[in-house]
Each structure stands twice: as structure tokens, then as C-alpha cells.
C-alpha atoms as a PDB file:
ATOM      1  CA  MET A   1     -14.084   4.512   5.614  1.00  0.00           C
ATOM      2  CA  LYS A   2     -11.832   3.273   2.858  1.00  0.00           C
ATOM      3  CA  LEU A   3      -9.837   0.110   3.294  1.00  0.00           C
ATOM      4  CA  ILE A   4      -7.222   1.305   0.788  1.00  0.00           C
ATOM      5  CA  THR A   5      -6.455   5.008   0.438  1.00  0.00           C
ATOM      6  CA  ARG A   6      -5.579   6.835  -2.766  1.00  0.00           C
ATOM      7  CA  ASN A   7      -1.854   6.913  -1.954  1.00  0.00           C
ATOM      8  CA  THR A   8      -1.810   3.181  -1.219  1.00  0.00           C
ATOM      9  CA  ASP A   9      -3.662   2.512  -4.471  1.00  0.00           C
ATOM     10  CA  TYR A  10      -1.195   4.635  -6.463  1.00  0.00           C
ATOM     11  CA  ALA A  11       1.738   2.947  -4.733  1.00  0.00           C
ATOM     12  CA  LEU A  12       0.435  -0.554  -5.445  1.00  0.00           C
ATOM     13  CA  ARG A  13      -0.206   0.273  -9.103  1.00  0.00           C
ATOM     14  CA  ALA A  14       3.304   1.744  -9.447  1.00  0.00           C
ATOM     15  CA  ILE A  15       4.960  -1.222  -7.724  1.00  0.00           C
ATOM     16  CA  CYS A  16       3.063  -3.721  -9.899  1.00  0.00           C
ATOM     17  CA  TYR A  17       4.036  -1.864 -13.062  1.00  0.00           C
ATOM     18  CA  ILE A  18       7.690  -1.636 -11.997  1.00  0.00           C
ATOM     19  CA  ALA A  19       7.682  -5.351 -11.092  1.00  0.00           C
ATOM     20  CA  LYS A  20       6.703  -6.228 -14.687  1.00  0.00           C
ATOM     21  CA  GLN A  21       9.559  -4.201 -16.227  1.00  0.00           C
ATOM     22  CA  LYS A  22      13.114  -5.374 -16.822  1.00  0.00           C
ATOM     23  CA  ASN A  23      14.640  -1.886 -16.891  1.00  0.00           C
ATOM     24  CA  VAL A  24      14.583   1.141 -14.633  1.00  0.00           C
ATOM     25  CA  VAL A  25      11.197   2.906 -14.823  1.00  0.00           C
ATOM     26  CA  THR A  26      11.038   6.704 -14.903  1.00  0.00           C
ATOM     27  CA  VAL A  27       8.525   8.903 -13.144  1.00  0.00           C
ATOM     28  CA  THR A  28       7.435  10.209 -16.547  1.00  0.00           C
ATOM     29  CA  GLU A  29       6.654   6.686 -17.756  1.00  0.00           C
ATOM     30  CA  LEU A  30       4.653   5.879 -14.616  1.00  0.00           C
ATOM     31  CA  VAL A  31       2.672   9.121 -14.885  1.00  0.00           C
ATOM     32  CA  ARG A  32       1.896   8.417 -18.548  1.00  0.00           C
ATOM     33  CA  VAL A  33       0.990   4.734 -18.140  1.00  0.00           C
ATOM     34  CA  LEU A  34      -0.889   4.932 -14.829  1.00  0.00           C
ATOM     35  CA  GLY A  35      -2.498   8.333 -15.259  1.00  0.00           C
ATOM     36  CA  VAL A  36      -1.431   9.456 -11.807  1.00  0.00           C
ATOM     37  CA  PRO A  37      -0.626  13.152 -11.253  1.00  0.00           C
ATOM     38  CA  ARG A  38       3.152  13.709 -11.299  1.00  0.00           C
ATOM     39  CA  PRO A  39       3.434  15.357  -7.830  1.00  0.00           C
ATOM     40  CA  PHE A  40       1.610  12.421  -6.209  1.00  0.00           C
ATOM     41  CA  MET A  41       3.706   9.883  -8.080  1.00  0.00           C
ATOM     42  CA  ARG A  42       7.007  11.546  -7.144  1.00  0.00           C
ATOM     43  CA  LYS A  43       6.030  11.730  -3.480  1.00  0.00           C
ATOM     44  CA  ILE A  44       4.902   8.094  -3.429  1.00  0.00           C
ATOM     45  CA  LEU A  45       8.037   6.836  -5.160  1.00  0.00           C
ATOM     46  CA  GLN A  46      10.260   8.802  -2.793  1.00  0.00           C
ATOM     47  CA  GLN A  47       8.454   7.285   0.198  1.00  0.00           C
ATOM     48  CA  LEU A  48       8.764   3.759  -1.240  1.00  0.00           C
ATOM     49  CA  SER A  49      12.462   4.386  -1.823  1.00  0.00           C
ATOM     50  CA  LYS A  50      12.900   5.659   1.740  1.00  0.00           C
ATOM     51  CA  GLU A  51      11.129   2.526   3.031  1.00  0.00           C
ATOM     52  CA  LYS A  52      13.497   0.330   0.962  1.00  0.00           C
ATOM     53  CA  ILE A  53      10.774  -1.096  -1.293  1.00  0.00           C
ATOM     54  CA  LEU A  54      12.243   0.646  -4.361  1.00  0.00           C
ATOM     55  CA  LYS A  55      15.765   1.550  -5.365  1.00  0.00           C
ATOM     56  CA  SER A  56      16.167   4.947  -6.952  1.00  0.00           C
ATOM     57  CA  TYR A  57      18.667   5.722  -9.704  1.00  0.00           C
ATOM     58  CA  LYS A  58      19.656   9.333 -10.298  1.00  0.00           C
ATOM     59  CA  GLY A  59      20.757  11.019 -13.490  1.00  0.00           C
ATOM     60  CA  GLN A  60      19.593  11.167 -17.072  1.00  0.00           C
ATOM     61  CA  SER A  61      18.813   7.433 -17.241  1.00  0.00           C
ATOM     62  CA  GLY A  62      17.497   7.413 -13.686  1.00  0.00           C
ATOM     63  CA  GLY A  63      14.291   6.040 -12.319  1.00  0.00           C
ATOM     64  CA  PHE A  64      13.148   3.244 -10.045  1.00  0.00           C
ATOM     65  CA  LYS A  65      13.399  -0.538  -9.726  1.00  0.00           C
ATOM     66  CA  LEU A  66      12.195  -2.899  -7.040  1.00  0.00           C
ATOM     67  CA  LYS A  67      14.709  -3.322  -4.245  1.00  0.00           C
ATOM     68  CA  LEU A  68      12.972  -6.494  -3.062  1.00  0.00           C
ATOM     69  CA  PHE A  69      11.674  -9.460  -5.013  1.00  0.00           C
ATOM     70  CA  PRO A  70       7.928  -9.153  -5.760  1.00  0.00           C
ATOM     71  CA  GLU A  71       7.351 -12.280  -3.627  1.00  0.00           C
ATOM     72  CA  LYS A  72       8.714 -10.375  -0.609  1.00  0.00           C
ATOM     73  CA  ILE A  73       6.446  -7.323  -0.880  1.00  0.00           C
ATOM     74  CA  PHE A  74       2.944  -7.649   0.568  1.00  0.00           C
ATOM     75  CA  ILE A  75      -0.076  -5.357   0.327  1.00  0.00           C
ATOM     76  CA  ILE A  76      -0.185  -4.952   4.106  1.00  0.00           C
ATOM     77  CA  GLN A  77       3.368  -3.489   4.076  1.00  0.00           C
ATOM     78  CA  ILE A  78       2.352  -0.835   1.566  1.00  0.00           C
ATOM     79  CA  MET A  79      -0.802  -0.075   3.531  1.00  0.00           C
ATOM     80  CA  HIS A  80       1.280   0.431   6.687  1.00  0.00           C
ATOM     81  CA  ILE A  81       3.629   2.814   4.868  1.00  0.00           C
ATOM     82  CA  PHE A  82       0.850   5.058   3.572  1.00  0.00           C
ATOM     83  CA  GLN A  83      -1.971   4.491   6.072  1.00  0.00           C
ATOM     84  CA  GLY A  84      -0.347   3.479   9.312  1.00  0.00           C
ATOM     85  CA  GLN A  85      -1.931   0.733  11.358  1.00  0.00           C
ATOM     86  CA  VAL A  86      -5.031  -0.612   9.614  1.00  0.00           C
ATOM     87  CA  SER A  87      -8.022  -0.861  11.940  1.00  0.00           C
ATOM     88  CA  LEU A  88     -11.642  -1.555  11.106  1.00  0.00           C
ATOM     89  CA  SER A  89     -12.779  -1.984  14.700  1.00  0.00           C
ATOM     90  CA  GLU A  90     -12.706   1.610  15.893  1.00  0.00           C
ATOM     91  CA  CYS A  91     -15.883   2.712  17.620  1.00  0.00           C
ATOM     92  CA  PHE A  92     -18.331   4.690  15.499  1.00  0.00           C
ATOM     93  CA  LEU A  93     -18.396   7.387  18.204  1.00  0.00           C
ATOM     94  CA  LYS A  94     -14.802   8.532  17.869  1.00  0.00           C
ATOM     95  CA  LYS A  95     -15.040  11.409  20.347  1.00  0.00           C
ATOM     96  CA  ASP A  96     -15.763   9.506  23.549  1.00  0.00           C
ATOM     97  CA  ILE A  97     -14.717   6.051  24.630  1.00  0.00           C
ATOM     98  CA  CYS A  98     -17.843   3.921  24.616  1.00  0.00           C
ATOM     99  CA  PRO A  99     -18.781   2.530  28.041  1.00  0.00           C
ATOM    100  CA  ASN A 100     -19.820  -0.708  26.307  1.00  0.00           C
ATOM    101  CA  ARG A 101     -16.464  -1.167  24.585  1.00  0.00           C
ATOM    102  CA  GLY A 102     -15.687  -4.429  26.400  1.00  0.00           C
ATOM    103  CA  LYS A 103     -19.152  -5.927  25.907  1.00  0.00           C
ATOM    104  CA  CYS A 104     -20.130  -4.602  22.484  1.00  0.00           C
ATOM    105  CA  VAL A 105     -21.285  -7.497  20.268  1.00  0.00           C
ATOM    106  CA  LEU A 106     -20.855  -5.438  17.091  1.00  0.00           C
ATOM    107  CA  ARG A 107     -17.247  -4.584  17.992  1.00  0.00           C
ATOM    108  CA  LYS A 108     -16.457  -8.272  18.509  1.00  0.00           C
ATOM    109  CA  LYS A 109     -17.910  -9.190  15.112  1.00  0.00           C
ATOM    110  CA  ILE A 110     -16.080  -6.331  13.392  1.00  0.00           C
ATOM    111  CA  ARG A 111     -12.831  -7.376  15.063  1.00  0.00           C
ATOM    112  CA  GLN A 112     -13.314 -10.910  13.672  1.00  0.00           C
ATOM    113  CA  ILE A 113     -13.861  -9.470  10.194  1.00  0.00           C
ATOM    114  CA  GLU A 114     -10.794  -7.245  10.650  1.00  0.00           C
ATOM    115  CA  ASN A 115      -8.608 -10.187  11.665  1.00  0.00           C
ATOM    116  CA  ASN A 116      -9.781 -12.180   8.626  1.00  0.00           C
ATOM    117  CA  ALA A 117      -9.197  -9.244   6.263  1.00  0.00           C
ATOM    118  CA  LEU A 118      -5.748  -8.460   7.659  1.00  0.00           C
ATOM    119  CA  GLY A 119      -4.824 -12.144   7.457  1.00  0.00           C
ATOM    120  CA  GLN A 120      -5.738 -12.154   3.773  1.00  0.00           C
ATOM    121  CA  LEU A 121      -3.840  -8.900   3.107  1.00  0.00           C
ATOM    122  CA  ARG A 122      -0.718 -10.345   4.758  1.00  0.00           C
ATOM    123  CA  GLN A 123      -0.760 -13.155   2.194  1.00  0.00           C
ATOM    124  CA  ILE A 124      -1.210 -11.106  -0.999  1.00  0.00           C
ATOM    125  CA  SER A 125       2.176 -10.376  -2.539  1.00  0.00           C
ATOM    126  CA  ILE A 126       3.031  -8.123  -5.443  1.00  0.00           C
ATOM    127  CA  ALA A 127       4.065 -11.276  -7.325  1.00  0.00           C
ATOM    128  CA  SER A 128       0.553 -12.697  -6.972  1.00  0.00           C
ATOM    129  CA  LEU A 129      -0.994  -9.426  -8.158  1.00  0.00           C
ATOM    130  CA  VAL A 130       1.284  -9.244 -11.190  1.00  0.00           C
ATOM    131  CA  LYS A 131       0.541 -12.871 -12.134  1.00  0.00           C
ATOM    132  CA  GLY A 132      -3.211 -12.634 -11.542  1.00  0.00           C
END
């Protein structure tokens, strides 16, 4: 299990790069600088635009800028866009519901770890990533 998927990783790298720029950033520039395949980058940027994280500009001098301030964009938001609900506490036996689900000591410990991790992710903004 990966905590952050490839699409989330690409999205976070693109958002951080865009946050550092004063001007509109083109897909071509992002592909060149980040080394992300163009089809993936276009799809990710379109999704971020649809979710109102980025603003898209069309035309010859088109590209993308942040729609929100970097302080208002958090890792957990981007994870939700590309991964859905983040859950570490799913049972290892995904086919059947475990009869010990309510009493499982491991599940309780994993849920504690999950709550701590999600709490941390809710606090990490793009601004903190760009600064750090």
C-alpha cells in the first residue's frame, strides 16, 4: 500500500512548482522541469483546475496559476482529489468482513496511527512545502 499515489505525487510537485512562479506556467514547462510524462501532467492539471485548486488560462500565452493561496492548499486535499478517502485501517483480508473487526487489537493500533498521520497531513500546506 502506498500512502501517496503517483498522481498525487505529480500533482503536489506541479502545485509546488507553480506556487514558486510569478507568471502563468505552461504544461510544456512543467513537463520539462518535473520530468513527468505530458499526458499525465495534462490530466492532473485539468483535474486540479476542475477542483478549483488551479486557474487555467487558454491561448498562446496560456497555462496555469494557483487559484488559492499556497497557505490554503493542504496535502490532504490533493490526496482526496486523486485517491479518494485515505484509509490505512482496512482489514488485510479484503474479501470477507473479519469476525474480529470490533475486537482486533491490530486494527485499533493501526487506526491510531492513521488518525495521527491524517492529522499531520491536514496541517501540511503547499506554502510550508515550498518554504521547507
